[in-house]
Amino acid sequence: MTMSNKQVIAIFIAGIAFLLCAFWAGLQVIKQEPMASASQPAADPPAQADKPVPAPNEGAGTNTLIDGARFLVQVGGSFGTAEKANQTVADLRRKYMSAYAQATEGEEKLYRVYIGPYDTPEAARQVANELEAEGIKGVTIISKTQE
């Protein structure tokens, strides 16, 4: 059975229309993902003042760096929109399921992306090193003192 040129063109156009519909539906799903930081607080957000943690070789001893502390990896500094923060979280969750975004308090709303918490600075440093090796900029380790 042979097909005419008109039939081939019609099938091609139908295929393109189907792909466009699927792409549009995928964009709608991404836009509708709830942001953890805007609607509800994260499971373990940094509540106290953020303090950068020195690299393991900069302290007297890595395990005694900060007693009773947990460690977060902050990724990419601060984001001006929830959409950018959400996209970063979605990308990070492919490898790090504990990634989340949190809105800052104050007049100017900024969004920060964190991975963690980790119990030791070594565990946080390992994640930070992996991210930096992947070319991600603005990676910082934050100490959060437990209350």
C-alpha atoms as a PDB file:
ATOM      1  CA  MET A   1       0.000   0.000   0.000  1.00  0.00           C
ATOM      2  CA  THR A   2       1.453   3.343  -1.000  1.00  0.00           C
ATOM      3  CA  MET A   3       0.625   6.676   0.508  1.00  0.00           C
ATOM      4  CA  SER A   4       0.148   9.898  -1.377  1.00  0.00           C
ATOM      5  CA  ASN A   5       2.125  13.007  -0.570  1.00  0.00           C
ATOM      6  CA  LYS A   6      -0.973  14.588   0.954  1.00  0.00           C
ATOM      7  CA  GLN A   7      -1.377  11.695   3.380  1.00  0.00           C
ATOM      8  CA  VAL A   8       2.276  11.868   4.439  1.00  0.00           C
ATOM      9  CA  ILE A   9       2.028  15.638   5.008  1.00  0.00           C
ATOM     10  CA  ALA A  10      -1.193  15.214   7.008  1.00  0.00           C
ATOM     11  CA  ILE A  11       0.421  12.578   9.254  1.00  0.00           C
ATOM     12  CA  PHE A  12       3.506  14.778   9.699  1.00  0.00           C
ATOM     13  CA  ILE A  13       1.402  17.818  10.716  1.00  0.00           C
ATOM     14  CA  ALA A  14      -0.665  15.693  13.114  1.00  0.00           C
ATOM     15  CA  GLY A  15       2.559  14.431  14.726  1.00  0.00           C
ATOM     16  CA  ILE A  16       3.914  17.961  15.155  1.00  0.00           C
ATOM     17  CA  ALA A  17       0.591  19.087  16.680  1.00  0.00           C
ATOM     18  CA  PHE A  18       0.697  16.150  19.101  1.00  0.00           C
ATOM     19  CA  LEU A  19       4.267  17.003  20.181  1.00  0.00           C
ATOM     20  CA  LEU A  20       3.339  20.654  20.736  1.00  0.00           C
ATOM     21  CA  CYS A  21       0.350  19.646  22.884  1.00  0.00           C
ATOM     22  CA  ALA A  22       2.503  17.309  24.971  1.00  0.00           C
ATOM     23  CA  PHE A  23       5.143  20.029  25.432  1.00  0.00           C
ATOM     24  CA  TRP A  24       2.512  22.576  26.478  1.00  0.00           C
ATOM     25  CA  ALA A  25       0.975  20.106  28.962  1.00  0.00           C
ATOM     26  CA  GLY A  26       4.423  19.485  30.465  1.00  0.00           C
ATOM     27  CA  LEU A  27       4.958  23.221  30.930  1.00  0.00           C
ATOM     28  CA  GLN A  28       1.619  23.513  32.711  1.00  0.00           C
ATOM     29  CA  VAL A  29       2.576  20.739  35.141  1.00  0.00           C
ATOM     30  CA  ILE A  30       5.887  22.455  35.935  1.00  0.00           C
ATOM     31  CA  LYS A  31       4.182  25.811  36.516  1.00  0.00           C
ATOM     32  CA  GLN A  32       1.674  24.244  38.921  1.00  0.00           C
ATOM     33  CA  GLU A  33       4.275  22.581  41.211  1.00  0.00           C
ATOM     34  CA  PRO A  34       3.835  23.987  44.715  1.00  0.00           C
ATOM     35  CA  MET A  35       6.824  25.813  46.168  1.00  0.00           C
ATOM     36  CA  ALA A  36       7.760  24.570  49.616  1.00  0.00           C
ATOM     37  CA  SER A  37       8.960  27.976  50.744  1.00  0.00           C
ATOM     38  CA  ALA A  38       5.941  30.021  49.695  1.00  0.00           C
ATOM     39  CA  SER A  39       3.086  27.845  50.909  1.00  0.00           C
ATOM     40  CA  GLN A  40       4.564  26.033  53.911  1.00  0.00           C
ATOM     41  CA  PRO A  41       7.765  26.171  55.903  1.00  0.00           C
ATOM     42  CA  ALA A  42      10.470  23.712  55.013  1.00  0.00           C
ATOM     43  CA  ALA A  43      11.008  20.697  57.228  1.00  0.00           C
ATOM     44  CA  ASP A  44      14.182  22.068  58.798  1.00  0.00           C
ATOM     45  CA  PRO A  45      14.772  25.668  57.647  1.00  0.00           C
ATOM     46  CA  PRO A  46      17.681  27.730  58.896  1.00  0.00           C
ATOM     47  CA  ALA A  47      15.999  29.684  61.694  1.00  0.00           C
ATOM     48  CA  GLN A  48      18.989  31.444  63.192  1.00  0.00           C
ATOM     49  CA  ALA A  49      21.530  33.740  61.600  1.00  0.00           C
ATOM     50  CA  ASP A  50      23.386  31.960  58.821  1.00  0.00           C
ATOM     51  CA  LYS A  51      27.090  31.509  59.429  1.00  0.00           C
ATOM     52  CA  PRO A  52      29.429  30.202  56.728  1.00  0.00           C
ATOM     53  CA  VAL A  53      31.402  27.183  57.882  1.00  0.00           C
ATOM     54  CA  PRO A  54      35.131  27.122  57.174  1.00  0.00           C
ATOM     55  CA  ALA A  55      36.598  24.316  55.107  1.00  0.00           C
ATOM     56  CA  PRO A  56      37.630  21.290  57.189  1.00  0.00           C
ATOM     57  CA  ASN A  57      41.311  22.231  57.114  1.00  0.00           C
ATOM     58  CA  GLU A  58      40.607  25.752  58.434  1.00  0.00           C
ATOM     59  CA  GLY A  59      39.211  24.760  61.865  1.00  0.00           C
ATOM     60  CA  ALA A  60      40.915  23.253  64.881  1.00  0.00           C
ATOM     61  CA  GLY A  61      39.012  19.985  64.417  1.00  0.00           C
ATOM     62  CA  THR A  62      36.209  19.246  61.992  1.00  0.00           C
ATOM     63  CA  ASN A  63      34.047  17.323  64.455  1.00  0.00           C
ATOM     64  CA  THR A  64      34.340  20.017  67.130  1.00  0.00           C
ATOM     65  CA  LEU A  65      33.737  22.882  64.715  1.00  0.00           C
ATOM     66  CA  ILE A  66      30.320  23.777  66.124  1.00  0.00           C
ATOM     67  CA  ASP A  67      28.787  21.646  68.871  1.00  0.00           C
ATOM     68  CA  GLY A  68      25.084  20.814  68.489  1.00  0.00           C
ATOM     69  CA  ALA A  69      24.937  22.174  64.944  1.00  0.00           C
ATOM     70  CA  ARG A  70      23.477  20.888  61.706  1.00  0.00           C
ATOM     71  CA  PHE A  71      24.735  21.908  58.320  1.00  0.00           C
ATOM     72  CA  LEU A  72      22.988  23.060  55.154  1.00  0.00           C
ATOM     73  CA  VAL A  73      24.387  23.574  51.685  1.00  0.00           C
ATOM     74  CA  GLN A  74      23.112  26.829  50.174  1.00  0.00           C
ATOM     75  CA  VAL A  75      23.077  26.773  46.387  1.00  0.00           C
ATOM     76  CA  GLY A  76      23.286  29.757  44.058  1.00  0.00           C
ATOM     77  CA  GLY A  77      23.052  32.610  46.540  1.00  0.00           C
ATOM     78  CA  SER A  78      19.610  34.228  46.445  1.00  0.00           C
ATOM     79  CA  PHE A  79      17.017  34.197  43.678  1.00  0.00           C
ATOM     80  CA  GLY A  80      14.748  37.108  42.824  1.00  0.00           C
ATOM     81  CA  THR A  81      11.786  34.975  41.766  1.00  0.00           C
ATOM     82  CA  ALA A  82      10.124  31.846  43.081  1.00  0.00           C
ATOM     83  CA  GLU A  83      10.188  30.380  39.568  1.00  0.00           C
ATOM     84  CA  LYS A  84      13.993  30.462  39.378  1.00  0.00           C
ATOM     85  CA  ALA A  85      14.306  28.976  42.860  1.00  0.00           C
ATOM     86  CA  ASN A  86      11.766  26.254  42.024  1.00  0.00           C
ATOM     87  CA  GLN A  87      13.617  25.369  38.826  1.00  0.00           C
ATOM     88  CA  THR A  88      16.879  25.058  40.750  1.00  0.00           C
ATOM     89  CA  VAL A  89      15.172  22.858  43.367  1.00  0.00           C
ATOM     90  CA  ALA A  90      13.676  20.656  40.640  1.00  0.00           C
ATOM     91  CA  ASP A  91      17.094  20.250  39.013  1.00  0.00           C
ATOM     92  CA  LEU A  92      18.787  19.468  42.331  1.00  0.00           C
ATOM     93  CA  ARG A  93      16.148  16.941  43.429  1.00  0.00           C
ATOM     94  CA  ARG A  94      17.206  14.629  40.625  1.00  0.00           C
ATOM     95  CA  LYS A  95      20.252  13.885  42.766  1.00  0.00           C
ATOM     96  CA  TYR A  96      19.556  15.463  46.187  1.00  0.00           C
ATOM     97  CA  MET A  97      16.038  14.732  47.473  1.00  0.00           C
ATOM     98  CA  SER A  98      16.499  17.038  50.484  1.00  0.00           C
ATOM     99  CA  ALA A  99      16.710  20.182  48.311  1.00  0.00           C
ATOM    100  CA  TYR A 100      14.164  22.881  49.100  1.00  0.00           C
ATOM    101  CA  ALA A 101      13.556  26.613  48.637  1.00  0.00           C
ATOM    102  CA  GLN A 102      12.799  29.124  51.359  1.00  0.00           C
ATOM    103  CA  ALA A 103      11.617  32.716  51.072  1.00  0.00           C
ATOM    104  CA  THR A 104      13.511  35.331  53.043  1.00  0.00           C
ATOM    105  CA  GLU A 105      11.757  37.683  55.395  1.00  0.00           C
ATOM    106  CA  GLY A 106      11.798  41.416  54.844  1.00  0.00           C
ATOM    107  CA  GLU A 107      10.646  44.017  52.364  1.00  0.00           C
ATOM    108  CA  GLU A 108      12.464  42.577  49.360  1.00  0.00           C
ATOM    109  CA  LYS A 109      11.341  38.972  48.832  1.00  0.00           C
ATOM    110  CA  LEU A 110      14.251  36.730  47.902  1.00  0.00           C
ATOM    111  CA  TYR A 111      14.385  32.961  47.658  1.00  0.00           C
ATOM    112  CA  ARG A 112      17.223  30.733  48.810  1.00  0.00           C
ATOM    113  CA  VAL A 113      17.812  27.116  47.862  1.00  0.00           C
ATOM    114  CA  TYR A 114      19.196  24.662  50.407  1.00  0.00           C
ATOM    115  CA  ILE A 115      20.188  20.997  50.500  1.00  0.00           C
ATOM    116  CA  GLY A 116      20.216  19.207  53.831  1.00  0.00           C
ATOM    117  CA  PRO A 117      20.416  19.278  56.765  1.00  0.00           C
ATOM    118  CA  TYR A 118      23.534  17.209  57.384  1.00  0.00           C
ATOM    119  CA  ASP A 119      24.797  16.145  60.810  1.00  0.00           C
ATOM    120  CA  THR A 120      28.480  16.738  60.072  1.00  0.00           C
ATOM    121  CA  PRO A 121      30.381  19.423  58.186  1.00  0.00           C
ATOM    122  CA  GLU A 122      32.148  16.672  56.252  1.00  0.00           C
ATOM    123  CA  ALA A 123      28.871  15.427  54.768  1.00  0.00           C
ATOM    124  CA  ALA A 124      27.889  18.965  53.774  1.00  0.00           C
ATOM    125  CA  ARG A 125      31.359  19.616  52.356  1.00  0.00           C
ATOM    126  CA  GLN A 126      31.113  16.462  50.204  1.00  0.00           C
ATOM    127  CA  VAL A 127      27.836  17.681  48.674  1.00  0.00           C
ATOM    128  CA  ALA A 128      29.287  21.178  48.175  1.00  0.00           C
ATOM    129  CA  ASN A 129      32.334  19.703  46.428  1.00  0.00           C
ATOM    130  CA  GLU A 130      30.108  17.615  44.135  1.00  0.00           C
ATOM    131  CA  LEU A 131      28.075  20.688  43.191  1.00  0.00           C
ATOM    132  CA  GLU A 132      31.174  22.781  42.534  1.00  0.00           C
ATOM    133  CA  ALA A 133      32.617  19.960  40.401  1.00  0.00           C
ATOM    134  CA  GLU A 134      29.425  20.119  38.323  1.00  0.00           C
ATOM    135  CA  GLY A 135      30.088  23.826  37.748  1.00  0.00           C
ATOM    136  CA  ILE A 136      27.401  25.187  40.071  1.00  0.00           C
ATOM    137  CA  LYS A 137      28.331  28.633  41.397  1.00  0.00           C
ATOM    138  CA  GLY A 138      27.530  30.200  44.758  1.00  0.00           C
ATOM    139  CA  VAL A 139      27.749  27.052  46.891  1.00  0.00           C
ATOM    140  CA  THR A 140      28.101  27.800  50.625  1.00  0.00           C
ATOM    141  CA  ILE A 141      27.888  25.660  53.749  1.00  0.00           C
ATOM    142  CA  ILE A 142      25.688  27.128  56.466  1.00  0.00           C
ATOM    143  CA  SER A 143      25.722  26.152  60.143  1.00  0.00           C
ATOM    144  CA  LYS A 144      22.378  26.047  61.929  1.00  0.00           C
ATOM    145  CA  THR A 145      22.558  25.699  65.683  1.00  0.00           C
ATOM    146  CA  GLN A 146      19.903  23.367  67.023  1.00  0.00           C
ATOM    147  CA  GLU A 147      17.473  24.893  69.503  1.00  0.00           C
END
